[in-house]
Amino acid sequence: MNIYEMLFLITMGFALKKILKEDKPFIWLKELSNNFLLTLFVFSNVASKDLAYLLRIKIVFIYVFLVIGLSLVASYLYGLKLKDEKWRGALIILSIYPNTVALGFPIASLFLKDLTPVILYASTNTLIVLPVATFIAAHYSTGGASLKESLLKALKFPPTSANLLALALVLLGIRLPDGFLTLLNKIGWWSIPALLIYFGSRINLQKFEWRKLGEVGLFRVAVPFLFVFLTLNSPREIFYAILVEASMPPAIMANAILARYRLREEEAIGVTVILTLLVLTLFLVLKALISVNF
């Protein structure tokens, strides 16, 4: 899938939402994609690998922790000078929670054929950042949620469970038939266009501030992008997997958490939409430059 097809699907989702004027069809699409299609896609990609392959890409797991930690510390320190405590919490959550699946997978597919490193980054990131983001949201709001509850919620996310199951099979040396995994992969691939249509249906620009765009863009995109670009020296498939995933705009789930805890969700949605378009442009330019030079 190329970036123009991605933009078309996002636009389609936005247009369909305007025409249908209801959320139910898109909620069903999200459930089908997340709970079934994406689960098959994640499982088939990871289960098709062996232990030697996972050991070669251990740097992926290391960079998940490094990028989350960097964005968390940087946005927190910057937020200390902000008077709006609710936006301070929202900024931290938006900064640490990238859109690794709905946007990260399609963009990574522009550079890579094997998305296993991308999937492992996304799954590990979700497992870590979901409880952290929920805990931060609870701290900056009047609500409350324990770290244990948030971690259990992350584990109940079907693609995360599928990833852990597939990793267990690989570690145990259990290899499923290639034909079976190929079939699952072909079916699961449709999660990518489905997620893009769903993302388009969520676009909302009711409130938007350029200053807040700059703040989120700095800590969610610019800082991780430069950190990975300047420090990571790995094979092409690892480099682009980490660079893309680490530099994605805020996830839909990040905005959902903000909405649940009433932490400036309307401003966050506007920032997320504009930043998504800017990130798409960034990687379109990067892809064009690579094509010219190679």
Foldseek 3Di string as FASTA:
>chain_A
DDLVVLVVLLQLLQVVCVVVVDCVVLVVLVCCLQQPLQQLQLLLLLLQDAPVVCVQLVVLLVVLVVLLVQLQVVLQVVLVPDPQLLVSLLLNLQLNAFALAQQVVVLLVLQDDRCNSSSVNNLSSLLPNQLVSLCSLCVSFVHDDDSVRRNVVSCPRSNNVSNVVSVVCNVVVHHDDNVVSVVSNVSSVVSRSSSSSSNSNLQDPPDEDPVSLVSSQVRQAVVQLCVLVVPDDHDRSSSSSSNSSSHGGHHPVSLVSCVVRVRPSNHVSNSRVVVRVVVSVVSVVVSVVVVVVD
